[in-house]
Amino acid sequence: MTDVTYSGEYFNDAEYDTAMHLFVEESQKDIADAGVETVHGLLQSSIQHPTGYYESHIQSVRYGGAQQVDDDNVIYGSWLEGVSNRNDETRFKGYFSFRRATQTLQAQAEVLVQPALERLVGRLNS
């Protein structure tokens, strides 16, 4: 998981502080949207008999001050991911799509926030 945390004012000007808050929100959203796409891609290459139901529940959701990618609590989601007790009892160990997507996003974070950073600079320069 990639966390972006800050507190207090970055600038003495409320307009600049607002721009920074917007940058963080946009960055989180951009990364989460990329996360949804990455999970979909990983599932597409992993699931052998897709029905589309599980994939249709992968979403980017804002919880408090954070953006998160989840499967909308689909009942068998933890089994597909490989983190269910049921995985210990069966041969299926999971696809680890969310775990692999997280690793991919962490490696790409700088590139993913670049558009939001450019918008921030544009706001600050105007």
C-alpha atoms as a PDB file:
ATOM      1  CA  MET A   1       0.000   0.000   0.000  1.00  0.00           C
ATOM      2  CA  THR A   2       1.197   3.474  -0.792  1.00  0.00           C
ATOM      3  CA  ASP A   3       0.317   6.091   1.809  1.00  0.00           C
ATOM      4  CA  VAL A   4       0.414   9.824   1.310  1.00  0.00           C
ATOM      5  CA  THR A   5       0.183  11.621   4.639  1.00  0.00           C
ATOM      6  CA  TYR A   6       0.617  15.256   5.494  1.00  0.00           C
ATOM      7  CA  SER A   7      -0.717  17.725   8.025  1.00  0.00           C
ATOM      8  CA  GLY A   8      -0.755  21.439   8.583  1.00  0.00           C
ATOM      9  CA  GLU A   9      -0.387  24.126   5.992  1.00  0.00           C
ATOM     10  CA  TYR A  10       2.326  23.841   3.376  1.00  0.00           C
ATOM     11  CA  PHE A  11       2.082  27.477   2.478  1.00  0.00           C
ATOM     12  CA  ASN A  12       0.932  30.580   4.333  1.00  0.00           C
ATOM     13  CA  ASP A  13      -1.530  31.195   1.528  1.00  0.00           C
ATOM     14  CA  ALA A  14      -4.870  29.321   1.707  1.00  0.00           C
ATOM     15  CA  GLU A  15      -4.967  29.053  -2.104  1.00  0.00           C
ATOM     16  CA  TYR A  16      -1.674  27.161  -2.150  1.00  0.00           C
ATOM     17  CA  ASP A  17      -2.752  24.945   0.723  1.00  0.00           C
ATOM     18  CA  THR A  18      -5.978  24.105  -1.146  1.00  0.00           C
ATOM     19  CA  ALA A  19      -3.953  23.273  -4.269  1.00  0.00           C
ATOM     20  CA  MET A  20      -1.774  20.889  -2.246  1.00  0.00           C
ATOM     21  CA  HIS A  21      -4.806  19.129  -0.738  1.00  0.00           C
ATOM     22  CA  LEU A  22      -6.228  18.734  -4.239  1.00  0.00           C
ATOM     23  CA  PHE A  23      -2.895  17.338  -5.476  1.00  0.00           C
ATOM     24  CA  VAL A  24      -2.905  14.645  -2.787  1.00  0.00           C
ATOM     25  CA  GLU A  25      -6.516  13.667  -3.519  1.00  0.00           C
ATOM     26  CA  GLU A  26      -5.877  13.545  -7.274  1.00  0.00           C
ATOM     27  CA  SER A  27      -2.685  11.518  -6.770  1.00  0.00           C
ATOM     28  CA  GLN A  28      -4.485   8.992  -4.601  1.00  0.00           C
ATOM     29  CA  LYS A  29      -7.295   8.706  -7.147  1.00  0.00           C
ATOM     30  CA  ASP A  30      -4.878   8.306 -10.077  1.00  0.00           C
ATOM     31  CA  ILE A  31      -2.975   5.557  -8.273  1.00  0.00           C
ATOM     32  CA  ALA A  32      -6.175   3.785  -7.208  1.00  0.00           C
ATOM     33  CA  ASP A  33      -7.586   3.923 -10.745  1.00  0.00           C
ATOM     34  CA  ALA A  34      -4.339   2.419 -12.029  1.00  0.00           C
ATOM     35  CA  GLY A  35      -4.726  -0.207  -9.308  1.00  0.00           C
ATOM     36  CA  VAL A  36      -8.159  -1.202 -10.577  1.00  0.00           C
ATOM     37  CA  GLU A  37      -6.757  -1.562 -14.095  1.00  0.00           C
ATOM     38  CA  THR A  38      -3.771  -3.560 -12.834  1.00  0.00           C
ATOM     39  CA  VAL A  39      -5.931  -5.952 -10.795  1.00  0.00           C
ATOM     40  CA  HIS A  40      -8.215  -6.451 -13.818  1.00  0.00           C
ATOM     41  CA  GLY A  41      -5.230  -7.233 -16.023  1.00  0.00           C
ATOM     42  CA  LEU A  42      -3.810  -9.703 -13.532  1.00  0.00           C
ATOM     43  CA  LEU A  43      -7.161 -11.427 -13.061  1.00  0.00           C
ATOM     44  CA  GLN A  44      -7.698 -11.591 -16.816  1.00  0.00           C
ATOM     45  CA  SER A  45      -4.450 -13.476 -17.217  1.00  0.00           C
ATOM     46  CA  SER A  46      -5.104 -15.719 -14.182  1.00  0.00           C
ATOM     47  CA  ILE A  47      -8.771 -16.727 -13.988  1.00  0.00           C
ATOM     48  CA  GLN A  48      -9.327 -19.783 -16.118  1.00  0.00           C
ATOM     49  CA  HIS A  49     -13.147 -19.656 -16.283  1.00  0.00           C
ATOM     50  CA  PRO A  50     -14.155 -16.009 -15.793  1.00  0.00           C
ATOM     51  CA  THR A  51     -17.820 -15.164 -15.315  1.00  0.00           C
ATOM     52  CA  GLY A  52     -17.259 -11.415 -15.058  1.00  0.00           C
ATOM     53  CA  TYR A  53     -19.028 -11.184 -11.699  1.00  0.00           C
ATOM     54  CA  TYR A  54     -15.920 -10.870  -9.555  1.00  0.00           C
ATOM     55  CA  GLU A  55     -14.148  -8.564 -11.975  1.00  0.00           C
ATOM     56  CA  SER A  56     -17.183  -6.262 -12.065  1.00  0.00           C
ATOM     57  CA  HIS A  57     -16.849  -5.697  -8.318  1.00  0.00           C
ATOM     58  CA  ILE A  58     -13.238  -4.481  -8.368  1.00  0.00           C
ATOM     59  CA  GLN A  59     -13.481  -0.794  -7.533  1.00  0.00           C
ATOM     60  CA  SER A  60     -11.706   2.288  -6.291  1.00  0.00           C
ATOM     61  CA  VAL A  61     -13.368   3.674  -3.165  1.00  0.00           C
ATOM     62  CA  ARG A  62     -12.587   6.610  -0.901  1.00  0.00           C
ATOM     63  CA  TYR A  63     -12.554   5.739   2.812  1.00  0.00           C
ATOM     64  CA  GLY A  64     -11.961   8.763   4.988  1.00  0.00           C
ATOM     65  CA  GLY A  65      -8.808  10.417   3.730  1.00  0.00           C
ATOM     66  CA  ALA A  66      -7.598   7.458   1.694  1.00  0.00           C
ATOM     67  CA  GLN A  67      -8.394   5.907  -1.665  1.00  0.00           C
ATOM     68  CA  GLN A  68      -8.581   2.121  -1.688  1.00  0.00           C
ATOM     69  CA  VAL A  69      -9.022  -0.638  -4.259  1.00  0.00           C
ATOM     70  CA  ASP A  70     -11.229  -3.509  -3.138  1.00  0.00           C
ATOM     71  CA  ASP A  71     -13.593  -6.193  -4.389  1.00  0.00           C
ATOM     72  CA  ASP A  72     -16.734  -4.804  -2.720  1.00  0.00           C
ATOM     73  CA  ASN A  73     -16.541  -7.668  -0.199  1.00  0.00           C
ATOM     74  CA  VAL A  74     -17.442 -10.398  -2.683  1.00  0.00           C
ATOM     75  CA  ILE A  75     -17.873 -13.487  -0.504  1.00  0.00           C
ATOM     76  CA  TYR A  76     -15.191 -15.567  -2.244  1.00  0.00           C
ATOM     77  CA  GLY A  77     -12.769 -12.690  -2.855  1.00  0.00           C
ATOM     78  CA  SER A  78     -10.404 -13.648  -0.037  1.00  0.00           C
ATOM     79  CA  TRP A  79     -10.253 -17.194  -1.413  1.00  0.00           C
ATOM     80  CA  LEU A  80      -9.394 -15.919  -4.913  1.00  0.00           C
ATOM     81  CA  GLU A  81      -6.713 -13.664  -3.410  1.00  0.00           C
ATOM     82  CA  GLY A  82      -5.281 -16.563  -1.385  1.00  0.00           C
ATOM     83  CA  VAL A  83      -5.778 -15.165   2.106  1.00  0.00           C
ATOM     84  CA  SER A  84      -8.718 -17.327   3.197  1.00  0.00           C
ATOM     85  CA  ASN A  85      -8.493 -20.249   5.617  1.00  0.00           C
ATOM     86  CA  ARG A  86     -10.078 -22.229   2.815  1.00  0.00           C
ATOM     87  CA  ASN A  87      -6.855 -21.889   0.785  1.00  0.00           C
ATOM     88  CA  ASP A  88      -5.115 -24.013   3.432  1.00  0.00           C
ATOM     89  CA  GLU A  89      -7.635 -26.807   2.886  1.00  0.00           C
ATOM     90  CA  THR A  90      -7.633 -26.863  -0.923  1.00  0.00           C
ATOM     91  CA  ARG A  91      -5.027 -27.140  -3.663  1.00  0.00           C
ATOM     92  CA  PHE A  92      -5.915 -23.632  -4.870  1.00  0.00           C
ATOM     93  CA  LYS A  93      -3.543 -21.187  -3.189  1.00  0.00           C
ATOM     94  CA  GLY A  94      -4.909 -17.993  -4.763  1.00  0.00           C
ATOM     95  CA  TYR A  95      -4.105 -15.565  -7.563  1.00  0.00           C
ATOM     96  CA  PHE A  96      -2.578 -12.856  -5.315  1.00  0.00           C
ATOM     97  CA  SER A  97      -3.848 -10.216  -7.761  1.00  0.00           C
ATOM     98  CA  PHE A  98      -4.147  -7.439  -5.193  1.00  0.00           C
ATOM     99  CA  ARG A  99      -0.751  -8.213  -3.682  1.00  0.00           C
ATOM    100  CA  ARG A 100       0.927  -8.231  -7.089  1.00  0.00           C
ATOM    101  CA  ALA A 101      -0.913  -5.063  -8.123  1.00  0.00           C
ATOM    102  CA  THR A 102       0.321  -3.325  -4.978  1.00  0.00           C
ATOM    103  CA  GLN A 103       3.914  -4.220  -5.817  1.00  0.00           C
ATOM    104  CA  THR A 104       3.450  -2.944  -9.371  1.00  0.00           C
ATOM    105  CA  LEU A 105       1.892   0.328  -8.185  1.00  0.00           C
ATOM    106  CA  GLN A 106       4.646   0.943  -5.659  1.00  0.00           C
ATOM    107  CA  ALA A 107       7.206   0.618  -8.431  1.00  0.00           C
ATOM    108  CA  GLN A 108       5.230   2.999 -10.685  1.00  0.00           C
ATOM    109  CA  ALA A 109       4.073   5.552  -8.080  1.00  0.00           C
ATOM    110  CA  GLU A 110       6.327   8.385  -9.259  1.00  0.00           C
ATOM    111  CA  VAL A 111       5.128   8.054 -12.832  1.00  0.00           C
ATOM    112  CA  LEU A 112       1.482   7.731 -11.783  1.00  0.00           C
ATOM    113  CA  VAL A 113       1.483  10.976  -9.781  1.00  0.00           C
ATOM    114  CA  GLN A 114       3.230  12.954 -12.519  1.00  0.00           C
ATOM    115  CA  PRO A 115      -0.002  14.235 -14.159  1.00  0.00           C
ATOM    116  CA  ALA A 116      -1.344  15.436 -10.791  1.00  0.00           C
ATOM    117  CA  LEU A 117       1.996  17.081 -10.061  1.00  0.00           C
ATOM    118  CA  GLU A 118       1.882  18.914 -13.389  1.00  0.00           C
ATOM    119  CA  ARG A 119      -1.654  20.131 -12.600  1.00  0.00           C
ATOM    120  CA  LEU A 120      -0.423  21.318  -9.180  1.00  0.00           C
ATOM    121  CA  VAL A 121       2.427  23.296 -10.713  1.00  0.00           C
ATOM    122  CA  GLY A 122      -0.009  24.803 -13.202  1.00  0.00           C
ATOM    123  CA  ARG A 123      -2.343  25.871 -10.388  1.00  0.00           C
ATOM    124  CA  LEU A 124       0.498  27.359  -8.375  1.00  0.00           C
ATOM    125  CA  ASN A 125       1.820  29.279 -11.390  1.00  0.00           C
ATOM    126  CA  SER A 126      -1.527  30.807 -12.308  1.00  0.00           C
END
